[in-house]
Amino acid sequence: MRTVSGGEVAGILVAVFWAILVSFLAVALARLAQTLRATTKLVSEVTDQAVPLLSDASSAVRSAQTQIDRVDAIASDVQEVTSNASALSTTVASTFGGPLVKVAAFGYGVRRAIVGRRENVPAKAPRRTVIVGRTVPSPRRGKRNTREKRD
């Protein structure tokens, strides 16, 4: 029987620990390989789903841009119609405003004259100055002009 020296025991212990360490590293590398395979599979699945989604998003953005262009054209047309309507309104007001005021004033005068004839009372209306579109009241009766006071 042979005796084992201390150096041989130490060498055996180092070899056993080294074998255990290599085994743990082999298991860790195997699990790391599995994790990398699963990650690769996940990335490929995400890529397969992301490409159509990006295509759909791109077409949606193009469609939205088309709609924005249409709305911009409509807004431009509405602005043009509004300015044309404003110009037309101003033209109609300036063309028919003065004559309509004159016709209304004439009708009022005729009405007052008829009412005054029926009652046999002369129609005395306060004097007013008519400016196209506005009526300016006559001066107050209690006050006189400074020229009249001097005379």
N, C-alpha and C. Protein backbone atom coordinates (compact mmCIF):
# COMPACT_ATOMS: atom_id res chain seq x y z
N MET A 1 0.81 -1.13 0.00
CA MET A 1 0.00 0.00 0.00
C MET A 1 0.89 1.23 0.00
N ARG A 2 0.45 1.98 -0.65
CA ARG A 2 1.25 3.14 -0.87
C ARG A 2 0.68 4.32 -0.11
N THR A 3 1.48 5.12 0.41
CA THR A 3 1.04 6.28 1.16
C THR A 3 0.98 7.48 0.22
N VAL A 4 0.04 8.29 0.50
CA VAL A 4 -0.17 9.48 -0.34
C VAL A 4 0.44 10.64 0.40
N SER A 5 1.19 11.38 -0.34
CA SER A 5 1.85 12.53 0.29
C SER A 5 0.90 13.73 0.31
N GLY A 6 1.27 14.74 1.05
CA GLY A 6 0.46 15.97 1.19
C GLY A 6 0.33 16.71 -0.12
N GLY A 7 1.35 16.68 -0.94
CA GLY A 7 1.32 17.39 -2.22
C GLY A 7 0.36 16.72 -3.18
N GLU A 8 0.31 15.37 -3.09
CA GLU A 8 -0.61 14.65 -3.97
C GLU A 8 -2.05 14.91 -3.56
N VAL A 9 -2.31 14.94 -2.23
CA VAL A 9 -3.67 15.25 -1.72
C VAL A 9 -4.08 16.65 -2.18
N ALA A 10 -3.17 17.58 -2.08
CA ALA A 10 -3.46 18.95 -2.49
C ALA A 10 -3.74 18.99 -3.99
N GLY A 11 -2.99 18.24 -4.78
CA GLY A 11 -3.20 18.20 -6.23
C GLY A 11 -4.56 17.61 -6.58
N ILE A 12 -4.95 16.54 -5.82
CA ILE A 12 -6.27 15.92 -6.06
C ILE A 12 -7.38 16.91 -5.72
N LEU A 13 -7.23 17.61 -4.59
CA LEU A 13 -8.24 18.60 -4.19
C LEU A 13 -8.35 19.72 -5.24
N VAL A 14 -7.24 20.18 -5.71
CA VAL A 14 -7.26 21.24 -6.73
C VAL A 14 -7.93 20.71 -7.99
N ALA A 15 -7.66 19.47 -8.39
CA ALA A 15 -8.25 18.90 -9.60
C ALA A 15 -9.76 18.76 -9.44
N VAL A 16 -10.22 18.33 -8.22
CA VAL A 16 -11.67 18.18 -7.98
C VAL A 16 -12.34 19.56 -8.04
N PHE A 17 -11.76 20.55 -7.34
CA PHE A 17 -12.34 21.90 -7.38
C PHE A 17 -12.35 22.47 -8.80
N TRP A 18 -11.28 22.16 -9.53
CA TRP A 18 -11.21 22.64 -10.90
C TRP A 18 -12.30 21.97 -11.74
N ALA A 19 -12.56 20.71 -11.56
CA ALA A 19 -13.62 19.99 -12.30
C ALA A 19 -14.99 20.54 -11.94
N ILE A 20 -15.20 20.85 -10.62
CA ILE A 20 -16.48 21.42 -10.19
C ILE A 20 -16.68 22.81 -10.81
N LEU A 21 -15.60 23.59 -10.82
CA LEU A 21 -15.67 24.93 -11.38
C LEU A 21 -15.98 24.87 -12.88
N VAL A 22 -15.34 23.99 -13.60
CA VAL A 22 -15.59 23.83 -15.04
C VAL A 22 -17.03 23.37 -15.27
N SER A 23 -17.55 22.49 -14.42
CA SER A 23 -18.94 22.02 -14.55
C SER A 23 -19.92 23.18 -14.38
N PHE A 24 -19.71 24.03 -13.33
CA PHE A 24 -20.58 25.19 -13.11
C PHE A 24 -20.50 26.16 -14.29
N LEU A 25 -19.30 26.36 -14.81
CA LEU A 25 -19.16 27.26 -15.95
C LEU A 25 -19.84 26.69 -17.20
N ALA A 26 -19.77 25.37 -17.37
CA ALA A 26 -20.44 24.74 -18.52
C ALA A 26 -21.95 24.90 -18.41
N VAL A 27 -22.52 24.71 -17.20
CA VAL A 27 -23.96 24.88 -16.99
C VAL A 27 -24.36 26.34 -17.24
N ALA A 28 -23.56 27.28 -16.72
CA ALA A 28 -23.86 28.70 -16.91
C ALA A 28 -23.81 29.07 -18.39
N LEU A 29 -22.82 28.55 -19.12
CA LEU A 29 -22.74 28.84 -20.55
C LEU A 29 -23.91 28.22 -21.32
N ALA A 30 -24.35 27.04 -20.91
CA ALA A 30 -25.49 26.39 -21.56
C ALA A 30 -26.75 27.23 -21.35
N ARG A 31 -26.96 27.73 -20.13
CA ARG A 31 -28.13 28.58 -19.85
C ARG A 31 -28.03 29.92 -20.60
N LEU A 32 -26.84 30.46 -20.68
CA LEU A 32 -26.63 31.70 -21.42
C LEU A 32 -26.96 31.49 -22.90
N ALA A 33 -26.58 30.33 -23.44
CA ALA A 33 -26.88 30.01 -24.83
C ALA A 33 -28.39 29.91 -25.04
N GLN A 34 -29.12 29.29 -24.09
CA GLN A 34 -30.58 29.21 -24.17
C GLN A 34 -31.20 30.61 -24.13
N THR A 35 -30.68 31.43 -23.24
CA THR A 35 -31.20 32.80 -23.13
C THR A 35 -30.97 33.57 -24.43
N LEU A 36 -29.80 33.41 -25.01
CA LEU A 36 -29.51 34.10 -26.27
C LEU A 36 -30.41 33.60 -27.40
N ARG A 37 -30.67 32.29 -27.44
CA ARG A 37 -31.59 31.74 -28.46
C ARG A 37 -33.00 32.31 -28.28
N ALA A 38 -33.48 32.35 -27.03
CA ALA A 38 -34.82 32.90 -26.77
C ALA A 38 -34.88 34.38 -27.13
N THR A 39 -33.81 35.12 -26.82
CA THR A 39 -33.77 36.54 -27.15
C THR A 39 -33.76 36.74 -28.66
N THR A 40 -33.02 35.92 -29.37
CA THR A 40 -32.97 36.00 -30.83
C THR A 40 -34.35 35.72 -31.42
N LYS A 41 -35.02 34.69 -30.89
CA LYS A 41 -36.37 34.35 -31.37
C LYS A 41 -37.33 35.50 -31.10
N LEU A 42 -37.26 36.09 -29.90
CA LEU A 42 -38.13 37.21 -29.54
C LEU A 42 -37.90 38.41 -30.45
N VAL A 43 -36.63 38.71 -30.70
CA VAL A 43 -36.30 39.85 -31.57
C VAL A 43 -36.83 39.61 -32.99
N SER A 44 -36.69 38.39 -33.49
CA SER A 44 -37.18 38.11 -34.84
C SER A 44 -38.71 38.21 -34.90
N GLU A 45 -39.41 37.74 -33.85
CA GLU A 45 -40.87 37.87 -33.80
C GLU A 45 -41.30 39.33 -33.74
N VAL A 46 -40.61 40.11 -32.92
CA VAL A 46 -40.93 41.54 -32.83
C VAL A 46 -40.68 42.22 -34.17
N THR A 47 -39.60 41.87 -34.81
CA THR A 47 -39.29 42.44 -36.13
C THR A 47 -40.37 42.07 -37.14
N ASP A 48 -40.80 40.79 -37.11
CA ASP A 48 -41.85 40.35 -38.03
C ASP A 48 -43.15 41.13 -37.82
N GLN A 49 -43.45 41.48 -36.56
CA GLN A 49 -44.67 42.24 -36.27
C GLN A 49 -44.47 43.74 -36.46
N ALA A 50 -43.28 44.24 -36.24
CA ALA A 50 -43.04 45.68 -36.30
C ALA A 50 -43.02 46.19 -37.73
N VAL A 51 -42.52 45.40 -38.65
CA VAL A 51 -42.44 45.85 -40.05
C VAL A 51 -43.83 46.17 -40.61
N PRO A 52 -44.83 45.28 -40.46
CA PRO A 52 -46.17 45.66 -40.94
C PRO A 52 -46.76 46.85 -40.17
N LEU A 53 -46.49 46.91 -38.87
CA LEU A 53 -47.00 48.05 -38.10
C LEU A 53 -46.40 49.36 -38.59
N LEU A 54 -45.11 49.35 -38.86
CA LEU A 54 -44.47 50.56 -39.38
C LEU A 54 -45.02 50.92 -40.76
N SER A 55 -45.30 49.92 -41.56
CA SER A 55 -45.90 50.18 -42.88
C SER A 55 -47.28 50.79 -42.73
N ASP A 56 -48.09 50.23 -41.80
CA ASP A 56 -49.43 50.79 -41.54
C ASP A 56 -49.33 52.21 -41.00
N ALA A 57 -48.39 52.44 -40.10
CA ALA A 57 -48.22 53.79 -39.54
C ALA A 57 -47.81 54.77 -40.62
N SER A 58 -46.95 54.34 -41.51
CA SER A 58 -46.51 55.20 -42.61
C SER A 58 -47.68 55.54 -43.52
N SER A 59 -48.51 54.57 -43.85
CA SER A 59 -49.67 54.85 -44.70
C SER A 59 -50.67 55.74 -43.96
N ALA A 60 -50.81 55.56 -42.64
CA ALA A 60 -51.72 56.42 -41.87
C ALA A 60 -51.22 57.86 -41.86
N VAL A 61 -49.91 58.04 -41.73
CA VAL A 61 -49.34 59.39 -41.76
C VAL A 61 -49.56 60.02 -43.13
N ARG A 62 -49.36 59.23 -44.20
CA ARG A 62 -49.61 59.77 -45.55
C ARG A 62 -51.07 60.17 -45.72
N SER A 63 -51.97 59.32 -45.23
CA SER A 63 -53.40 59.63 -45.32
C SER A 63 -53.73 60.89 -44.53
N ALA A 64 -53.16 61.00 -43.33
CA ALA A 64 -53.40 62.20 -42.51
C ALA A 64 -52.87 63.44 -43.22
N GLN A 65 -51.73 63.33 -43.85
CA GLN A 65 -51.17 64.47 -44.59
C GLN A 65 -52.09 64.86 -45.74
N THR A 66 -52.66 63.87 -46.43
CA THR A 66 -53.60 64.15 -47.51
C THR A 66 -54.83 64.88 -46.97
N GLN A 67 -55.35 64.41 -45.83
CA GLN A 67 -56.51 65.06 -45.23
C GLN A 67 -56.18 66.48 -44.78
N ILE A 68 -55.00 66.68 -44.23
CA ILE A 68 -54.58 68.02 -43.80
C ILE A 68 -54.49 68.94 -45.01
N ASP A 69 -53.96 68.44 -46.13
CA ASP A 69 -53.90 69.24 -47.35
C ASP A 69 -55.30 69.61 -47.83
N ARG A 70 -56.23 68.66 -47.75
CA ARG A 70 -57.62 68.96 -48.14
C ARG A 70 -58.23 70.01 -47.23
N VAL A 71 -58.03 69.86 -45.92
CA VAL A 71 -58.58 70.83 -44.97
C VAL A 71 -57.96 72.21 -45.21
N ASP A 72 -56.68 72.24 -45.53
CA ASP A 72 -56.01 73.51 -45.82
C ASP A 72 -56.64 74.16 -47.05
N ALA A 73 -56.91 73.36 -48.09
CA ALA A 73 -57.54 73.89 -49.29
C ALA A 73 -58.94 74.40 -48.98
N ILE A 74 -59.69 73.65 -48.16
CA ILE A 74 -61.04 74.07 -47.79
C ILE A 74 -60.98 75.37 -46.99
N ALA A 75 -60.05 75.45 -46.04
CA ALA A 75 -59.93 76.67 -45.24
C ALA A 75 -59.56 77.86 -46.11
N SER A 76 -58.72 77.65 -47.09
CA SER A 76 -58.35 78.72 -48.02
C SER A 76 -59.57 79.16 -48.82
N ASP A 77 -60.37 78.19 -49.29
CA ASP A 77 -61.58 78.53 -50.03
C ASP A 77 -62.58 79.28 -49.16
N VAL A 78 -62.73 78.83 -47.91
CA VAL A 78 -63.65 79.51 -46.99
C VAL A 78 -63.18 80.94 -46.73
N GLN A 79 -61.89 81.14 -46.59
CA GLN A 79 -61.37 82.49 -46.38
C GLN A 79 -61.67 83.36 -47.60
N GLU A 80 -61.50 82.80 -48.79
CA GLU A 80 -61.79 83.56 -50.00
C GLU A 80 -63.27 83.90 -50.09
N VAL A 81 -64.14 82.92 -49.79
CA VAL A 81 -65.59 83.16 -49.82
C VAL A 81 -65.96 84.23 -48.79
N THR A 82 -65.34 84.16 -47.61
CA THR A 82 -65.63 85.15 -46.57
C THR A 82 -65.24 86.54 -47.02
N SER A 83 -64.08 86.68 -47.63
CA SER A 83 -63.67 88.01 -48.09
C SER A 83 -64.58 88.49 -49.22
N ASN A 84 -65.01 87.57 -50.11
CA ASN A 84 -65.94 87.95 -51.18
C ASN A 84 -67.28 88.38 -50.60
N ALA A 85 -67.76 87.64 -49.59
CA ALA A 85 -69.04 88.00 -48.96
C ALA A 85 -68.93 89.34 -48.26
N SER A 86 -67.81 89.60 -47.63
CA SER A 86 -67.61 90.89 -46.97
C SER A 86 -67.61 92.02 -48.00
N ALA A 87 -66.92 91.81 -49.11
CA ALA A 87 -66.89 92.83 -50.16
C ALA A 87 -68.28 93.04 -50.74
N LEU A 88 -69.02 91.95 -50.96
CA LEU A 88 -70.38 92.06 -51.48
C LEU A 88 -71.27 92.80 -50.50
N SER A 89 -71.14 92.48 -49.22
CA SER A 89 -71.94 93.16 -48.20
C SER A 89 -71.65 94.65 -48.18
N THR A 90 -70.38 95.01 -48.26
CA THR A 90 -70.00 96.42 -48.28
C THR A 90 -70.55 97.11 -49.52
N THR A 91 -70.48 96.43 -50.66
CA THR A 91 -70.99 97.01 -51.91
C THR A 91 -72.50 97.20 -51.84
N VAL A 92 -73.22 96.19 -51.35
CA VAL A 92 -74.67 96.29 -51.23
C VAL A 92 -75.05 97.40 -50.26
N ALA A 93 -74.35 97.47 -49.14
CA ALA A 93 -74.67 98.51 -48.15
C ALA A 93 -74.42 99.90 -48.72
N SER A 94 -73.32 100.07 -49.45
CA SER A 94 -73.04 101.40 -50.00
C SER A 94 -73.96 101.71 -51.18
N THR A 95 -74.38 100.71 -51.93
CA THR A 95 -75.23 100.95 -53.09
C THR A 95 -76.68 101.20 -52.69
N PHE A 96 -77.20 100.36 -51.81
CA PHE A 96 -78.61 100.46 -51.47
C PHE A 96 -78.86 101.19 -50.15
N GLY A 97 -77.84 101.40 -49.36
CA GLY A 97 -78.03 102.02 -48.04
C GLY A 97 -78.59 103.42 -48.14
N GLY A 98 -77.97 104.27 -48.93
CA GLY A 98 -78.42 105.66 -49.07
C GLY A 98 -79.83 105.75 -49.62
N PRO A 99 -80.12 105.12 -50.74
CA PRO A 99 -81.49 105.19 -51.28
C PRO A 99 -82.53 104.59 -50.34
N LEU A 100 -82.20 103.54 -49.64
CA LEU A 100 -83.17 102.95 -48.70
C LEU A 100 -83.47 103.92 -47.56
N VAL A 101 -82.46 104.62 -47.09
CA VAL A 101 -82.69 105.60 -46.03
C VAL A 101 -83.57 106.72 -46.55
N LYS A 102 -83.32 107.14 -47.78
CA LYS A 102 -84.14 108.21 -48.36
C LYS A 102 -85.59 107.76 -48.55
N VAL A 103 -85.78 106.52 -49.02
CA VAL A 103 -87.14 105.99 -49.19
C VAL A 103 -87.83 105.89 -47.84
N ALA A 104 -87.11 105.41 -46.82
CA ALA A 104 -87.70 105.30 -45.49
C ALA A 104 -88.06 106.68 -44.95
N ALA A 105 -87.20 107.65 -45.15
CA ALA A 105 -87.49 109.01 -44.68
C ALA A 105 -88.69 109.58 -45.42
N PHE A 106 -88.78 109.34 -46.71
CA PHE A 106 -89.91 109.82 -47.49
C PHE A 106 -91.20 109.18 -47.00
N GLY A 107 -91.15 107.85 -46.76
CA GLY A 107 -92.33 107.16 -46.24
C GLY A 107 -92.74 107.70 -44.89
N TYR A 108 -91.78 107.98 -44.04
CA TYR A 108 -92.08 108.54 -42.72
C TYR A 108 -92.73 109.92 -42.88
N GLY A 109 -92.19 110.73 -43.76
CA GLY A 109 -92.76 112.07 -43.98
C GLY A 109 -94.16 112.00 -44.51
N VAL A 110 -94.41 111.10 -45.45
CA VAL A 110 -95.76 110.94 -46.00
C VAL A 110 -96.71 110.50 -44.91
N ARG A 111 -96.29 109.55 -44.09
CA ARG A 111 -97.13 109.05 -43.00
C ARG A 111 -97.47 110.17 -42.03
N ARG A 112 -96.49 110.96 -41.65
CA ARG A 112 -96.73 112.09 -40.73
C ARG A 112 -97.67 113.12 -41.33
N ALA A 113 -97.50 113.34 -42.63
CA ALA A 113 -98.38 114.31 -43.30
C ALA A 113 -99.81 113.81 -43.32
N ILE A 114 -99.99 112.53 -43.58
CA ILE A 114 -101.34 111.97 -43.61
C ILE A 114 -101.96 112.01 -42.22
N VAL A 115 -101.21 111.64 -41.21
CA VAL A 115 -101.73 111.66 -39.84
C VAL A 115 -102.06 113.10 -39.44
N GLY A 116 -101.23 114.04 -39.81
CA GLY A 116 -101.47 115.45 -39.48
C GLY A 116 -102.70 115.99 -40.18
N ARG A 117 -102.97 115.57 -41.40
CA ARG A 117 -104.16 116.02 -42.13
C ARG A 117 -105.41 115.46 -41.49
N ARG A 118 -105.35 114.23 -41.05
CA ARG A 118 -106.53 113.62 -40.43
C ARG A 118 -106.89 114.34 -39.14
N GLU A 119 -105.91 114.71 -38.39
CA GLU A 119 -106.16 115.35 -37.10
C GLU A 119 -106.25 116.87 -37.24
N ASN A 120 -106.01 117.36 -38.41
CA ASN A 120 -105.98 118.80 -38.67
C ASN A 120 -104.99 119.52 -37.77
N VAL A 121 -103.95 118.84 -37.45
CA VAL A 121 -102.90 119.43 -36.64
C VAL A 121 -101.64 119.41 -37.51
N PRO A 122 -101.01 120.55 -37.62
CA PRO A 122 -99.80 120.52 -38.43
C PRO A 122 -98.74 119.64 -37.77
N ALA A 123 -98.15 118.82 -38.58
CA ALA A 123 -97.13 117.92 -38.05
C ALA A 123 -95.84 118.70 -37.87
N LYS A 124 -95.42 118.83 -36.63
CA LYS A 124 -94.20 119.54 -36.33
C LYS A 124 -93.23 118.56 -35.68
N ALA A 125 -92.32 118.13 -36.43
CA ALA A 125 -91.35 117.17 -35.92
C ALA A 125 -90.07 117.91 -35.57
N PRO A 126 -89.38 117.43 -34.59
CA PRO A 126 -88.10 118.07 -34.29
C PRO A 126 -87.18 117.94 -35.50
N ARG A 127 -86.42 118.99 -35.70
CA ARG A 127 -85.52 119.00 -36.84
C ARG A 127 -84.35 118.05 -36.60
N ARG A 128 -84.10 117.25 -37.61
CA ARG A 128 -82.98 116.32 -37.51
C ARG A 128 -82.21 116.37 -38.81
N THR A 129 -80.94 116.17 -38.65
CA THR A 129 -80.09 116.09 -39.83
C THR A 129 -79.84 114.62 -40.13
N VAL A 130 -80.07 114.21 -41.37
CA VAL A 130 -79.90 112.81 -41.74
C VAL A 130 -78.59 112.66 -42.48
N ILE A 131 -77.76 111.81 -41.96
CA ILE A 131 -76.52 111.42 -42.62
C ILE A 131 -76.71 109.97 -42.99
N VAL A 132 -76.22 109.58 -44.14
CA VAL A 132 -76.46 108.22 -44.63
C VAL A 132 -76.15 107.21 -43.54
N GLY A 133 -77.21 106.52 -43.13
CA GLY A 133 -77.03 105.48 -42.13
C GLY A 133 -77.18 105.95 -40.70
N ARG A 134 -77.22 107.28 -40.43
CA ARG A 134 -77.32 107.78 -39.05
C ARG A 134 -78.27 108.96 -38.99
N THR A 135 -78.86 109.13 -37.83
CA THR A 135 -79.69 110.31 -37.60
C THR A 135 -79.06 111.10 -36.47
N VAL A 136 -78.86 112.38 -36.71
CA VAL A 136 -78.25 113.24 -35.70
C VAL A 136 -79.37 114.09 -35.11
N PRO A 137 -79.59 114.09 -33.79
CA PRO A 137 -80.69 114.88 -33.20
C PRO A 137 -80.42 116.38 -33.32
N SER A 138 -81.53 117.12 -33.30
CA SER A 138 -81.40 118.59 -33.37
C SER A 138 -80.85 119.11 -32.06
N PRO A 139 -80.34 120.35 -32.04
CA PRO A 139 -79.81 120.90 -30.80
C PRO A 139 -80.91 121.06 -29.76
N ARG A 140 -80.56 121.12 -28.52
CA ARG A 140 -81.55 121.26 -27.44
C ARG A 140 -82.24 122.60 -27.54
N ARG A 141 -83.53 122.62 -27.20
CA ARG A 141 -84.33 123.83 -27.36
C ARG A 141 -84.01 124.89 -26.32
N GLY A 142 -83.55 124.48 -25.18
CA GLY A 142 -83.30 125.44 -24.10
C GLY A 142 -82.11 126.34 -24.36
N LYS A 143 -81.20 125.91 -25.17
CA LYS A 143 -79.98 126.67 -25.41
C LYS A 143 -80.08 127.37 -26.76
N ARG A 144 -79.50 128.56 -26.83
CA ARG A 144 -79.45 129.29 -28.09
C ARG A 144 -78.01 129.46 -28.49
N ASN A 145 -77.83 129.71 -29.76
CA ASN A 145 -76.48 129.98 -30.24
C ASN A 145 -75.97 131.29 -29.66
N THR A 146 -74.71 131.47 -29.54
CA THR A 146 -74.15 132.70 -29.00
C THR A 146 -74.40 133.88 -29.91
N ARG A 147 -74.56 133.68 -31.21
CA ARG A 147 -74.87 134.78 -32.14
C ARG A 147 -76.25 135.35 -31.84
N GLU A 148 -77.21 134.44 -31.57
CA GLU A 148 -78.57 134.91 -31.29
C GLU A 148 -78.62 135.70 -29.99
N LYS A 149 -77.80 135.38 -29.01
CA LYS A 149 -77.80 136.10 -27.75
C LYS A 149 -77.27 137.53 -27.93
N ARG A 150 -76.30 137.69 -28.81
CA ARG A 150 -75.72 139.02 -29.03
C ARG A 150 -76.67 139.94 -29.77
N ASP A 151 -77.46 139.40 -30.67
CA ASP A 151 -78.34 140.22 -31.50
C ASP A 151 -79.50 140.72 -30.77
